[in-house]
Amino acid sequence: MQSKSQCSLIFLLKKLRATDIDECLDKEKYHCEGKCKNTIGSYTCDCPIGMYGDGKVGCRGFRIITIVAGCVVVLGLLFLLPIGLWRWYKFIKRRRKIKRKQKFFKRNGGLLLRQELSSNEGNIEKTKLFTSKDLEKATDNYKVSRIIGQGGQGTVFKGMLTDGRIVAVKKSKSVHESNVEQFINEVVILSQINHRNVVKLLGCCLETEVPLLVYEFILNG
């Protein structure tokens, strides 16, 4: 048989259960920053993983999701930083290359030739200003096996343009700045000559350190 005190305790517990409220449901009144658990007559509050303290008063430390997010951001930056630096390096290198080409173009009389081309449009409309990239591709980057002639004035390479035409690209050894105007005048004159006994000048490239002349390719010529 149960004692009187035991009976009183059981009665009290039943009464508490009957009148107990779930504090976890009223978050405004019963503060909890972590995991709330209802108990008879009260509640417990455990701080989230990675934090410590009394969840009813306030937890300290960093939430695990914050730590994970921080790690993801740091790893992302470590991954993107080398890519960003590489792209910046490529950008600077490309910009320097463009400026270098512009410098050579101006020094080799490019502006003067453009002026001549525009003023004599009807006579030399077929003369073309090739880019350095055009001729690098045409000659396979000036491969030794493409050399078809070599002398005191320079080297001649056999090349093929993007339209399939076979050409001879003459790479001069040097052109002194004082002779630039004379060189441009010769280009203009040669571009107007159309005779079966004279190799046709198709155009030139002035973006390189020394000008490049592009002629029709004549077999055994």
N, C-alpha and C. Protein backbone atom coordinates (compact mmCIF):
# COMPACT_ATOMS: atom_id res chain seq x y z
N MET A 1 0.83 -1.21 0.00
CA MET A 1 0.00 0.00 0.00
C MET A 1 0.86 1.25 0.00
N GLN A 2 0.41 2.25 -0.67
CA GLN A 2 1.16 3.50 -0.76
C GLN A 2 0.94 4.31 0.52
N SER A 3 1.98 4.97 0.99
CA SER A 3 1.88 5.80 2.18
C SER A 3 1.13 7.08 1.84
N LYS A 4 0.77 7.77 2.91
CA LYS A 4 0.02 9.02 2.74
C LYS A 4 0.85 10.06 2.00
N SER A 5 2.17 10.09 2.31
CA SER A 5 3.04 11.09 1.68
C SER A 5 3.21 10.81 0.18
N GLN A 6 3.26 9.53 -0.17
CA GLN A 6 3.38 9.17 -1.59
C GLN A 6 2.13 9.56 -2.35
N CYS A 7 1.02 9.33 -1.74
CA CYS A 7 -0.24 9.68 -2.37
C CYS A 7 -0.35 11.18 -2.59
N SER A 8 0.13 11.91 -1.60
CA SER A 8 0.08 13.37 -1.70
C SER A 8 0.97 13.86 -2.85
N LEU A 9 2.15 13.22 -2.99
CA LEU A 9 3.09 13.59 -4.05
C LEU A 9 2.51 13.31 -5.43
N ILE A 10 1.89 12.13 -5.58
CA ILE A 10 1.29 11.74 -6.86
C ILE A 10 0.17 12.71 -7.22
N PHE A 11 -0.62 13.07 -6.20
CA PHE A 11 -1.73 14.00 -6.41
C PHE A 11 -1.20 15.37 -6.86
N LEU A 12 -0.12 15.78 -6.21
CA LEU A 12 0.47 17.08 -6.55
C LEU A 12 1.00 17.10 -7.97
N LEU A 13 1.66 15.99 -8.36
CA LEU A 13 2.21 15.90 -9.72
C LEU A 13 1.10 15.93 -10.77
N LYS A 14 0.02 15.20 -10.49
CA LYS A 14 -1.12 15.18 -11.41
C LYS A 14 -1.72 16.57 -11.55
N LYS A 15 -1.74 17.28 -10.40
CA LYS A 15 -2.31 18.63 -10.40
C LYS A 15 -1.42 19.59 -11.22
N LEU A 16 -0.09 19.42 -11.04
CA LEU A 16 0.84 20.26 -11.79
C LEU A 16 0.74 20.01 -13.29
N ARG A 17 0.64 18.70 -13.66
CA ARG A 17 0.52 18.35 -15.09
C ARG A 17 -0.74 18.96 -15.67
N ALA A 18 -1.79 18.94 -14.87
CA ALA A 18 -3.07 19.45 -15.36
C ALA A 18 -3.04 20.96 -15.56
N THR A 19 -2.26 21.65 -14.72
CA THR A 19 -2.21 23.12 -14.79
C THR A 19 -0.96 23.63 -15.52
N ASP A 20 -0.05 22.74 -15.92
CA ASP A 20 1.23 23.14 -16.55
C ASP A 20 0.98 23.74 -17.94
N ILE A 21 1.73 24.78 -18.23
CA ILE A 21 1.69 25.39 -19.58
C ILE A 21 3.01 25.13 -20.28
N ASP A 22 3.00 25.16 -21.58
CA ASP A 22 4.23 24.95 -22.36
C ASP A 22 4.86 26.31 -22.64
N GLU A 23 5.89 26.65 -21.84
CA GLU A 23 6.54 27.95 -21.99
C GLU A 23 7.20 28.12 -23.37
N CYS A 24 7.58 27.02 -23.98
CA CYS A 24 8.26 27.09 -25.28
C CYS A 24 7.37 27.66 -26.38
N LEU A 25 6.05 27.62 -26.13
CA LEU A 25 5.12 28.13 -27.14
C LEU A 25 4.98 29.65 -27.07
N ASP A 26 5.39 30.23 -25.97
CA ASP A 26 5.27 31.68 -25.79
C ASP A 26 6.68 32.29 -25.74
N LYS A 27 7.27 32.49 -26.91
CA LYS A 27 8.66 32.93 -26.98
C LYS A 27 8.84 34.39 -26.55
N GLU A 28 7.80 35.18 -26.68
CA GLU A 28 7.89 36.58 -26.26
C GLU A 28 7.99 36.70 -24.73
N LYS A 29 7.28 35.86 -24.03
CA LYS A 29 7.28 35.90 -22.57
C LYS A 29 8.42 35.09 -21.96
N TYR A 30 8.71 33.95 -22.61
CA TYR A 30 9.75 33.06 -22.09
C TYR A 30 10.90 33.02 -23.12
N HIS A 31 11.86 33.84 -22.85
CA HIS A 31 12.98 34.01 -23.80
C HIS A 31 13.83 32.74 -23.91
N CYS A 32 14.22 32.41 -25.13
CA CYS A 32 15.13 31.28 -25.35
C CYS A 32 15.84 31.46 -26.68
N GLU A 33 17.16 31.52 -26.64
CA GLU A 33 17.95 31.73 -27.86
C GLU A 33 18.34 30.42 -28.54
N GLY A 34 18.10 29.32 -27.85
CA GLY A 34 18.52 28.03 -28.39
C GLY A 34 17.39 27.03 -28.48
N LYS A 35 17.66 25.83 -27.99
CA LYS A 35 16.68 24.75 -28.05
C LYS A 35 15.85 24.73 -26.77
N CYS A 36 14.58 24.99 -26.93
CA CYS A 36 13.66 25.07 -25.77
C CYS A 36 13.04 23.70 -25.49
N LYS A 37 13.01 23.34 -24.17
CA LYS A 37 12.40 22.07 -23.76
C LYS A 37 11.49 22.31 -22.56
N ASN A 38 10.23 21.93 -22.70
CA ASN A 38 9.26 22.15 -21.63
C ASN A 38 9.47 21.15 -20.50
N THR A 39 9.38 21.64 -19.28
CA THR A 39 9.41 20.78 -18.08
C THR A 39 8.19 21.11 -17.22
N ILE A 40 7.93 20.30 -16.23
CA ILE A 40 6.77 20.54 -15.36
C ILE A 40 7.01 21.81 -14.56
N GLY A 41 6.20 22.81 -14.81
CA GLY A 41 6.28 24.06 -14.09
C GLY A 41 7.34 25.02 -14.58
N SER A 42 8.13 24.63 -15.58
CA SER A 42 9.19 25.52 -16.07
C SER A 42 9.62 25.06 -17.47
N TYR A 43 10.82 25.44 -17.86
CA TYR A 43 11.38 25.01 -19.15
C TYR A 43 12.90 25.15 -19.10
N THR A 44 13.56 24.45 -20.00
CA THR A 44 15.02 24.58 -20.12
C THR A 44 15.34 25.13 -21.51
N CYS A 45 16.48 25.77 -21.59
CA CYS A 45 16.89 26.35 -22.88
C CYS A 45 18.39 26.13 -23.08
N ASP A 46 18.74 25.30 -24.05
CA ASP A 46 20.15 25.01 -24.35
C ASP A 46 20.62 25.89 -25.52
N CYS A 47 21.84 26.43 -25.37
CA CYS A 47 22.40 27.26 -26.44
C CYS A 47 22.65 26.44 -27.70
N PRO A 48 22.60 27.07 -28.89
CA PRO A 48 22.87 26.36 -30.14
C PRO A 48 24.29 25.79 -30.15
N ILE A 49 24.53 24.83 -31.01
CA ILE A 49 25.85 24.21 -31.13
C ILE A 49 26.88 25.28 -31.50
N GLY A 50 28.00 25.26 -30.80
CA GLY A 50 29.06 26.22 -31.05
C GLY A 50 28.97 27.45 -30.16
N MET A 51 27.88 27.55 -29.33
CA MET A 51 27.71 28.69 -28.43
C MET A 51 27.59 28.17 -26.99
N TYR A 52 27.76 29.06 -26.05
CA TYR A 52 27.71 28.65 -24.64
C TYR A 52 27.01 29.74 -23.83
N GLY A 53 26.65 29.34 -22.58
CA GLY A 53 25.96 30.28 -21.69
C GLY A 53 24.56 29.80 -21.36
N ASP A 54 23.77 30.66 -20.76
CA ASP A 54 22.39 30.36 -20.40
C ASP A 54 21.48 30.85 -21.52
N GLY A 55 20.81 29.92 -22.18
CA GLY A 55 19.96 30.28 -23.31
C GLY A 55 18.82 31.20 -22.94
N LYS A 56 18.43 31.19 -21.65
CA LYS A 56 17.33 32.06 -21.21
C LYS A 56 17.78 33.52 -21.10
N VAL A 57 19.07 33.69 -20.82
CA VAL A 57 19.60 35.04 -20.64
C VAL A 57 20.28 35.54 -21.91
N GLY A 58 21.10 34.69 -22.48
CA GLY A 58 21.82 35.07 -23.69
C GLY A 58 23.02 34.16 -23.91
N CYS A 59 23.19 33.70 -25.14
CA CYS A 59 24.30 32.80 -25.47
C CYS A 59 25.46 33.61 -26.03
N ARG A 60 26.65 33.10 -25.83
CA ARG A 60 27.85 33.75 -26.34
C ARG A 60 28.58 32.82 -27.30
N GLY A 61 29.42 33.43 -28.12
CA GLY A 61 30.13 32.63 -29.13
C GLY A 61 29.50 32.83 -30.50
N PHE A 62 29.79 31.93 -31.43
CA PHE A 62 29.27 32.04 -32.79
C PHE A 62 28.42 30.82 -33.12
N ARG A 63 27.32 31.10 -33.79
CA ARG A 63 26.49 29.99 -34.25
C ARG A 63 27.25 29.16 -35.28
N ILE A 64 27.00 27.88 -35.31
CA ILE A 64 27.72 26.98 -36.22
C ILE A 64 27.51 27.37 -37.68
N ILE A 65 26.29 27.87 -37.98
CA ILE A 65 26.01 28.29 -39.36
C ILE A 65 26.86 29.50 -39.76
N THR A 66 27.12 30.38 -38.73
CA THR A 66 27.97 31.54 -38.97
C THR A 66 29.40 31.12 -39.25
N ILE A 67 29.87 30.14 -38.46
CA ILE A 67 31.23 29.63 -38.64
C ILE A 67 31.39 28.99 -40.01
N VAL A 68 30.40 28.16 -40.38
CA VAL A 68 30.45 27.48 -41.69
C VAL A 68 30.42 28.51 -42.82
N ALA A 69 29.53 29.52 -42.68
CA ALA A 69 29.43 30.55 -43.72
C ALA A 69 30.75 31.31 -43.84
N GLY A 70 31.37 31.61 -42.69
CA GLY A 70 32.65 32.32 -42.71
C GLY A 70 33.74 31.51 -43.40
N CYS A 71 33.76 30.21 -43.11
CA CYS A 71 34.75 29.31 -43.75
C CYS A 71 34.53 29.25 -45.26
N VAL A 72 33.27 29.20 -45.67
CA VAL A 72 32.94 29.14 -47.10
C VAL A 72 33.41 30.41 -47.80
N VAL A 73 33.17 31.56 -47.14
CA VAL A 73 33.59 32.85 -47.73
C VAL A 73 35.10 32.91 -47.87
N VAL A 74 35.82 32.50 -46.82
CA VAL A 74 37.29 32.54 -46.85
C VAL A 74 37.83 31.61 -47.93
N LEU A 75 37.29 30.39 -48.00
CA LEU A 75 37.74 29.45 -49.03
C LEU A 75 37.43 29.97 -50.43
N GLY A 76 36.26 30.61 -50.56
CA GLY A 76 35.90 31.19 -51.86
C GLY A 76 36.86 32.27 -52.28
N LEU A 77 37.24 33.13 -51.31
CA LEU A 77 38.19 34.21 -51.61
C LEU A 77 39.57 33.65 -51.98
N LEU A 78 39.99 32.60 -51.25
CA LEU A 78 41.28 31.97 -51.54
C LEU A 78 41.29 31.34 -52.92
N PHE A 79 40.11 30.85 -53.36
CA PHE A 79 40.01 30.24 -54.68
C PHE A 79 39.97 31.30 -55.78
N LEU A 80 39.24 32.40 -55.51
CA LEU A 80 39.05 33.43 -56.53
C LEU A 80 40.24 34.39 -56.65
N LEU A 81 41.00 34.55 -55.56
CA LEU A 81 42.11 35.49 -55.58
C LEU A 81 43.14 35.19 -56.67
N PRO A 82 43.63 33.94 -56.79
CA PRO A 82 44.60 33.65 -57.87
C PRO A 82 44.02 33.89 -59.26
N ILE A 83 42.73 33.55 -59.44
CA ILE A 83 42.08 33.77 -60.75
C ILE A 83 42.01 35.26 -61.05
N GLY A 84 41.64 36.05 -60.02
CA GLY A 84 41.57 37.49 -60.21
C GLY A 84 42.92 38.10 -60.53
N LEU A 85 43.96 37.64 -59.82
CA LEU A 85 45.31 38.15 -60.07
C LEU A 85 45.78 37.77 -61.46
N TRP A 86 45.47 36.54 -61.91
CA TRP A 86 45.87 36.08 -63.25
C TRP A 86 45.19 36.91 -64.34
N ARG A 87 43.90 37.19 -64.14
CA ARG A 87 43.17 37.99 -65.12
C ARG A 87 43.70 39.43 -65.16
N TRP A 88 44.05 39.94 -64.00
CA TRP A 88 44.61 41.29 -63.94
C TRP A 88 45.95 41.32 -64.66
N TYR A 89 46.77 40.31 -64.46
CA TYR A 89 48.07 40.21 -65.14
C TYR A 89 47.89 40.16 -66.66
N LYS A 90 46.91 39.34 -67.10
CA LYS A 90 46.65 39.22 -68.54
C LYS A 90 46.15 40.54 -69.12
N PHE A 91 45.31 41.25 -68.35
CA PHE A 91 44.77 42.54 -68.78
C PHE A 91 45.91 43.55 -68.96
N ILE A 92 46.80 43.63 -67.95
CA ILE A 92 47.92 44.57 -68.02
C ILE A 92 48.84 44.21 -69.18
N LYS A 93 49.10 42.91 -69.37
CA LYS A 93 49.97 42.47 -70.45
C LYS A 93 49.38 42.81 -71.82
N ARG A 94 48.06 42.59 -71.96
CA ARG A 94 47.38 42.89 -73.22
C ARG A 94 47.37 44.40 -73.49
N ARG A 95 47.18 45.17 -72.44
CA ARG A 95 47.17 46.63 -72.57
C ARG A 95 48.54 47.15 -73.01
N ARG A 96 49.59 46.59 -72.41
CA ARG A 96 50.95 47.00 -72.77
C ARG A 96 51.26 46.64 -74.22
N LYS A 97 50.76 45.46 -74.63
CA LYS A 97 50.99 45.01 -76.01
C LYS A 97 50.30 45.95 -76.99
N ILE A 98 49.08 46.38 -76.66
CA ILE A 98 48.34 47.30 -77.53
C ILE A 98 49.07 48.64 -77.64
N LYS A 99 49.54 49.14 -76.49
CA LYS A 99 50.28 50.41 -76.49
C LYS A 99 51.57 50.30 -77.30
N ARG A 100 52.22 49.14 -77.20
CA ARG A 100 53.46 48.90 -77.95
C ARG A 100 53.19 48.93 -79.45
N LYS A 101 52.09 48.29 -79.86
CA LYS A 101 51.71 48.27 -81.28
C LYS A 101 51.40 49.68 -81.78
N GLN A 102 50.67 50.43 -80.96
CA GLN A 102 50.33 51.81 -81.33
C GLN A 102 51.58 52.67 -81.49
N LYS A 103 52.54 52.43 -80.60
CA LYS A 103 53.81 53.17 -80.66
C LYS A 103 54.55 52.87 -81.96
N PHE A 104 54.65 51.57 -82.31
CA PHE A 104 55.34 51.18 -83.55
C PHE A 104 54.60 51.70 -84.77
N PHE A 105 53.27 51.62 -84.74
CA PHE A 105 52.45 52.09 -85.87
C PHE A 105 52.71 53.57 -86.15
N LYS A 106 52.75 54.35 -85.09
CA LYS A 106 53.00 55.78 -85.24
C LYS A 106 54.42 56.05 -85.72
N ARG A 107 55.39 55.33 -85.13
CA ARG A 107 56.80 55.53 -85.49
C ARG A 107 57.10 55.10 -86.92
N ASN A 108 56.39 54.07 -87.40
CA ASN A 108 56.62 53.55 -88.74
C ASN A 108 55.83 54.29 -89.82
N GLY A 109 55.18 55.38 -89.44
CA GLY A 109 54.48 56.20 -90.43
C GLY A 109 53.06 55.76 -90.72
N GLY A 110 52.45 55.07 -89.77
CA GLY A 110 51.09 54.59 -89.97
C GLY A 110 50.08 55.70 -90.20
N LEU A 111 50.22 56.79 -89.45
CA LEU A 111 49.28 57.91 -89.59
C LEU A 111 49.42 58.56 -90.97
N LEU A 112 50.67 58.66 -91.43
CA LEU A 112 50.92 59.24 -92.76
C LEU A 112 50.34 58.35 -93.85
N LEU A 113 50.52 57.03 -93.72
CA LEU A 113 49.99 56.11 -94.72
C LEU A 113 48.46 56.15 -94.75
N ARG A 114 47.84 56.21 -93.59
CA ARG A 114 46.38 56.30 -93.54
C ARG A 114 45.90 57.55 -94.27
N GLN A 115 46.62 58.62 -94.08
CA GLN A 115 46.27 59.87 -94.75
C GLN A 115 46.39 59.72 -96.26
N GLU A 116 47.46 59.07 -96.71
CA GLU A 116 47.67 58.83 -98.14
C GLU A 116 46.60 57.92 -98.72
N LEU A 117 46.23 56.90 -97.94
CA LEU A 117 45.20 55.96 -98.40
C LEU A 117 43.85 56.66 -98.57
N SER A 118 43.53 57.54 -97.64
CA SER A 118 42.24 58.23 -97.71
C SER A 118 42.22 59.28 -98.81
N SER A 119 43.37 59.92 -99.07
CA SER A 119 43.42 60.96 -100.11
C SER A 119 43.53 60.37 -101.52
N ASN A 120 44.01 59.10 -101.62
CA ASN A 120 44.14 58.44 -102.93
C ASN A 120 43.27 57.19 -102.97
N GLU A 121 42.11 57.30 -102.42
CA GLU A 121 41.23 56.14 -102.26
C GLU A 121 40.94 55.42 -103.57
N GLY A 122 40.77 56.15 -104.62
CA GLY A 122 40.44 55.52 -105.90
C GLY A 122 41.58 54.74 -106.50
N ASN A 123 42.82 55.18 -106.23
CA ASN A 123 43.98 54.54 -106.85
C ASN A 123 44.53 53.37 -106.04
N ILE A 124 44.47 53.45 -104.73
CA ILE A 124 45.10 52.40 -103.92
C ILE A 124 44.11 51.76 -102.95
N GLU A 125 42.91 51.58 -103.42
CA GLU A 125 41.87 51.03 -102.56
C GLU A 125 42.14 49.58 -102.17
N LYS A 126 42.97 48.88 -102.93
CA LYS A 126 43.23 47.47 -102.62
C LYS A 126 44.38 47.29 -101.63
N THR A 127 45.10 48.34 -101.34
CA THR A 127 46.19 48.25 -100.36
C THR A 127 45.61 48.05 -98.97
N LYS A 128 46.16 47.08 -98.26
CA LYS A 128 45.60 46.75 -96.95
C LYS A 128 46.62 46.96 -95.85
N LEU A 129 46.13 47.45 -94.72
CA LEU A 129 46.97 47.53 -93.52
C LEU A 129 46.71 46.27 -92.70
N PHE A 130 47.66 45.35 -92.74
CA PHE A 130 47.53 44.10 -92.00
C PHE A 130 47.90 44.31 -90.53
N THR A 131 47.29 43.52 -89.66
CA THR A 131 47.68 43.55 -88.25
C THR A 131 48.82 42.55 -88.04
N SER A 132 49.55 42.74 -86.96
CA SER A 132 50.65 41.82 -86.65
C SER A 132 50.11 40.40 -86.42
N LYS A 133 48.90 40.32 -85.87
CA LYS A 133 48.29 39.01 -85.63
C LYS A 133 47.98 38.30 -86.94
N ASP A 134 47.53 39.07 -87.95
CA ASP A 134 47.24 38.50 -89.27
C ASP A 134 48.47 37.79 -89.85
N LEU A 135 49.61 38.47 -89.77
CA LEU A 135 50.82 37.94 -90.40
C LEU A 135 51.51 36.87 -89.56
N GLU A 136 51.35 36.95 -88.25
CA GLU A 136 51.86 35.89 -87.38
C GLU A 136 51.14 34.58 -87.70
N LYS A 137 49.83 34.68 -87.89
CA LYS A 137 49.04 33.50 -88.22
C LYS A 137 49.37 33.00 -89.62
N ALA A 138 49.56 33.93 -90.56
CA ALA A 138 49.83 33.56 -91.95
C ALA A 138 51.17 32.83 -92.10
N THR A 139 52.17 33.23 -91.31
CA THR A 139 53.51 32.65 -91.42
C THR A 139 53.81 31.61 -90.34
N ASP A 140 52.77 31.22 -89.61
CA ASP A 140 52.95 30.27 -88.50
C ASP A 140 53.97 30.82 -87.51
N ASN A 141 53.76 32.10 -87.15
CA ASN A 141 54.64 32.82 -86.21
C ASN A 141 56.08 32.89 -86.72
N TYR A 142 56.20 33.14 -88.03
CA TYR A 142 57.51 33.31 -88.69
C TYR A 142 58.41 32.08 -88.48
N LYS A 143 57.81 30.94 -88.76
CA LYS A 143 58.53 29.68 -88.61
C LYS A 143 59.70 29.61 -89.61
N VAL A 144 60.81 29.05 -89.17
CA VAL A 144 62.02 28.98 -90.00
C VAL A 144 61.74 28.26 -91.31
N SER A 145 60.91 27.23 -91.27
CA SER A 145 60.60 26.46 -92.48
C SER A 145 59.82 27.27 -93.50
N ARG A 146 59.30 28.44 -93.08
CA ARG A 146 58.54 29.29 -94.01
C ARG A 146 59.45 30.29 -94.74
N ILE A 147 60.72 30.33 -94.40
CA ILE A 147 61.64 31.27 -95.05
C ILE A 147 61.90 30.84 -96.50
N ILE A 148 61.68 31.79 -97.44
CA ILE A 148 61.91 31.50 -98.87
C ILE A 148 62.97 32.42 -99.45
N GLY A 149 63.46 33.33 -98.64
CA GLY A 149 64.49 34.24 -99.12
C GLY A 149 65.11 35.01 -97.98
N GLN A 150 66.41 35.28 -98.09
CA GLN A 150 67.10 35.98 -97.03
C GLN A 150 68.27 36.76 -97.62
N GLY A 151 68.43 37.99 -97.18
CA GLY A 151 69.51 38.81 -97.72
C GLY A 151 69.81 39.98 -96.81
N GLY A 152 70.56 40.93 -97.35
CA GLY A 152 70.97 42.09 -96.57
C GLY A 152 69.82 42.99 -96.18
N GLN A 153 68.74 42.99 -96.99
CA GLN A 153 67.60 43.88 -96.72
C GLN A 153 66.60 43.28 -95.74
N GLY A 154 66.67 41.96 -95.56
CA GLY A 154 65.72 41.32 -94.64
C GLY A 154 65.43 39.89 -95.03
N THR A 155 64.34 39.36 -94.48
CA THR A 155 63.95 37.96 -94.68
C THR A 155 62.54 37.91 -95.26
N VAL A 156 62.34 36.95 -96.19
CA VAL A 156 61.02 36.80 -96.82
C VAL A 156 60.44 35.45 -96.39
N PHE A 157 59.19 35.50 -95.94
CA PHE A 157 58.49 34.30 -95.48
C PHE A 157 57.30 34.01 -96.39
N LYS A 158 57.05 32.74 -96.59
CA LYS A 158 55.85 32.33 -97.33
C LYS A 158 54.71 32.20 -96.33
N GLY A 159 53.57 32.75 -96.70
CA GLY A 159 52.44 32.69 -95.78
C GLY A 159 51.12 32.49 -96.50
N MET A 160 50.09 32.19 -95.73
CA MET A 160 48.75 32.03 -96.30
C MET A 160 47.76 32.83 -95.47
N LEU A 161 47.05 33.74 -96.14
CA LEU A 161 46.08 34.59 -95.46
C LEU A 161 44.81 33.80 -95.13
N THR A 162 43.96 34.39 -94.33
CA THR A 162 42.73 33.70 -93.92
C THR A 162 41.80 33.42 -95.09
N ASP A 163 41.92 34.21 -96.17
CA ASP A 163 41.07 33.98 -97.34
C ASP A 163 41.67 32.94 -98.29
N GLY A 164 42.82 32.35 -97.91
CA GLY A 164 43.43 31.28 -98.71
C GLY A 164 44.50 31.74 -99.67
N ARG A 165 44.71 33.04 -99.80
CA ARG A 165 45.74 33.55 -100.72
C ARG A 165 47.14 33.28 -100.18
N ILE A 166 48.02 32.83 -101.07
CA ILE A 166 49.41 32.63 -100.70
C ILE A 166 50.16 33.93 -100.93
N VAL A 167 50.94 34.35 -99.94
CA VAL A 167 51.64 35.63 -100.04
C VAL A 167 53.10 35.48 -99.61
N ALA A 168 53.88 36.50 -99.94
CA ALA A 168 55.26 36.58 -99.49
C ALA A 168 55.35 37.77 -98.53
N VAL A 169 55.80 37.49 -97.31
CA VAL A 169 55.89 38.53 -96.28
C VAL A 169 57.36 38.90 -96.09
N LYS A 170 57.68 40.16 -96.41
CA LYS A 170 59.06 40.63 -96.27
C LYS A 170 59.24 41.34 -94.94
N LYS A 171 60.18 40.80 -94.16
CA LYS A 171 60.48 41.37 -92.85
C LYS A 171 61.83 42.08 -92.95
N SER A 172 61.78 43.40 -93.02
CA SER A 172 63.02 44.18 -93.17
C SER A 172 63.83 44.14 -91.88
N LYS A 173 65.14 44.36 -92.02
CA LYS A 173 66.01 44.36 -90.84
C LYS A 173 65.80 45.62 -90.02
N SER A 174 65.69 46.74 -90.69
CA SER A 174 65.44 47.99 -89.96
C SER A 174 65.06 49.10 -90.93
N VAL A 175 64.33 50.07 -90.41
CA VAL A 175 64.00 51.28 -91.17
C VAL A 175 64.25 52.46 -90.24
N HIS A 176 65.18 53.30 -90.61
CA HIS A 176 65.53 54.44 -89.76
C HIS A 176 64.37 55.44 -89.75
N GLU A 177 64.18 56.06 -88.62
CA GLU A 177 63.06 57.00 -88.47
C GLU A 177 63.13 58.15 -89.48
N SER A 178 64.34 58.51 -89.87
CA SER A 178 64.49 59.61 -90.83
C SER A 178 64.04 59.19 -92.23
N ASN A 179 63.92 57.87 -92.46
CA ASN A 179 63.53 57.36 -93.78
C ASN A 179 62.06 56.93 -93.84
N VAL A 180 61.33 57.17 -92.75
CA VAL A 180 59.94 56.71 -92.67
C VAL A 180 59.09 57.32 -93.78
N GLU A 181 59.19 58.62 -93.99
CA GLU A 181 58.38 59.29 -95.01
C GLU A 181 58.69 58.73 -96.40
N GLN A 182 59.97 58.49 -96.67
CA GLN A 182 60.37 57.91 -97.96
C GLN A 182 59.80 56.49 -98.10
N PHE A 183 59.85 55.73 -97.01
CA PHE A 183 59.32 54.37 -97.02
C PHE A 183 57.82 54.37 -97.34
N ILE A 184 57.06 55.27 -96.70
CA ILE A 184 55.62 55.34 -96.92
C ILE A 184 55.32 55.74 -98.37
N ASN A 185 56.08 56.68 -98.90
CA ASN A 185 55.89 57.09 -100.30
C ASN A 185 56.13 55.91 -101.25
N GLU A 186 57.14 55.09 -100.95
CA GLU A 186 57.44 53.92 -101.78
C GLU A 186 56.30 52.91 -101.71
N VAL A 187 55.72 52.74 -100.51
CA VAL A 187 54.59 51.83 -100.35
C VAL A 187 53.42 52.30 -101.21
N VAL A 188 53.13 53.59 -101.16
CA VAL A 188 52.03 54.16 -101.94
C VAL A 188 52.27 53.95 -103.44
N ILE A 189 53.49 54.22 -103.90
CA ILE A 189 53.83 54.07 -105.33
C ILE A 189 53.74 52.61 -105.76
N LEU A 190 54.35 51.71 -104.96
CA LEU A 190 54.33 50.28 -105.29
C LEU A 190 52.91 49.71 -105.32
N SER A 191 52.06 50.22 -104.46
CA SER A 191 50.68 49.72 -104.40
C SER A 191 49.88 50.09 -105.65
N GLN A 192 50.34 51.13 -106.38
CA GLN A 192 49.64 51.56 -107.59
C GLN A 192 50.14 50.87 -108.86
N ILE A 193 51.29 50.20 -108.73
CA ILE A 193 51.85 49.51 -109.91
C ILE A 193 51.16 48.18 -110.10
N ASN A 194 50.67 47.99 -111.30
CA ASN A 194 50.01 46.73 -111.63
C ASN A 194 50.53 46.26 -113.00
N HIS A 195 51.68 45.60 -112.97
CA HIS A 195 52.33 45.15 -114.19
C HIS A 195 52.73 43.69 -114.02
N ARG A 196 52.64 42.94 -115.11
CA ARG A 196 52.89 41.50 -115.01
C ARG A 196 54.34 41.18 -114.64
N ASN A 197 55.25 42.10 -114.90
CA ASN A 197 56.66 41.88 -114.58
C ASN A 197 57.06 42.42 -113.20
N VAL A 198 56.10 42.99 -112.52
CA VAL A 198 56.38 43.55 -111.18
C VAL A 198 55.49 42.84 -110.17
N VAL A 199 56.12 42.37 -109.10
CA VAL A 199 55.37 41.68 -108.04
C VAL A 199 54.45 42.68 -107.35
N LYS A 200 53.19 42.33 -107.26
CA LYS A 200 52.17 43.21 -106.70
C LYS A 200 52.29 43.33 -105.18
N LEU A 201 52.32 44.58 -104.70
CA LEU A 201 52.31 44.82 -103.26
C LEU A 201 50.85 44.85 -102.78
N LEU A 202 50.53 43.93 -101.88
CA LEU A 202 49.15 43.84 -101.38
C LEU A 202 48.89 44.73 -100.18
N GLY A 203 49.92 44.96 -99.41
CA GLY A 203 49.73 45.78 -98.22
C GLY A 203 50.94 45.71 -97.31
N CYS A 204 50.76 46.18 -96.08
CA CYS A 204 51.88 46.18 -95.14
C CYS A 204 51.36 46.13 -93.71
N CYS A 205 52.28 45.91 -92.80
CA CYS A 205 51.95 45.93 -91.37
C CYS A 205 52.94 46.86 -90.69
N LEU A 206 52.41 47.83 -89.94
CA LEU A 206 53.25 48.83 -89.28
C LEU A 206 53.18 48.73 -87.76
N GLU A 207 52.57 47.65 -87.26
CA GLU A 207 52.43 47.47 -85.81
C GLU A 207 53.65 46.81 -85.16
N THR A 208 54.60 46.39 -85.99
CA THR A 208 55.78 45.69 -85.48
C THR A 208 56.97 46.65 -85.41
N GLU A 209 58.05 46.20 -84.77
CA GLU A 209 59.22 47.06 -84.58
C GLU A 209 59.78 47.53 -85.91
N VAL A 210 59.80 46.63 -86.90
CA VAL A 210 60.17 47.03 -88.27
C VAL A 210 58.97 46.73 -89.17
N PRO A 211 58.70 47.57 -90.18
CA PRO A 211 57.54 47.35 -91.05
C PRO A 211 57.64 46.03 -91.81
N LEU A 212 56.49 45.46 -92.09
CA LEU A 212 56.39 44.22 -92.88
C LEU A 212 55.64 44.53 -94.16
N LEU A 213 56.17 44.04 -95.28
CA LEU A 213 55.51 44.24 -96.57
C LEU A 213 54.94 42.91 -97.05
N VAL A 214 53.74 42.96 -97.59
CA VAL A 214 53.05 41.75 -98.05
C VAL A 214 52.88 41.81 -99.56
N TYR A 215 53.50 40.86 -100.27
CA TYR A 215 53.45 40.80 -101.73
C TYR A 215 52.68 39.56 -102.19
N GLU A 216 52.28 39.62 -103.44
CA GLU A 216 51.75 38.42 -104.09
C GLU A 216 52.86 37.38 -104.11
N PHE A 217 52.48 36.13 -103.94
CA PHE A 217 53.49 35.08 -104.01
C PHE A 217 53.61 34.59 -105.46
N ILE A 218 54.81 34.69 -105.99
CA ILE A 218 55.07 34.23 -107.35
C ILE A 218 55.96 32.99 -107.28
N LEU A 219 55.47 31.89 -107.79
CA LEU A 219 56.23 30.64 -107.77
C LEU A 219 57.52 30.82 -108.58
N ASN A 220 58.64 30.47 -107.95
CA ASN A 220 59.97 30.62 -108.56
C ASN A 220 60.28 32.08 -108.90
N GLY A 221 59.60 32.97 -108.19
CA GLY A 221 59.80 34.39 -108.47
C GLY A 221 60.86 35.01 -107.58
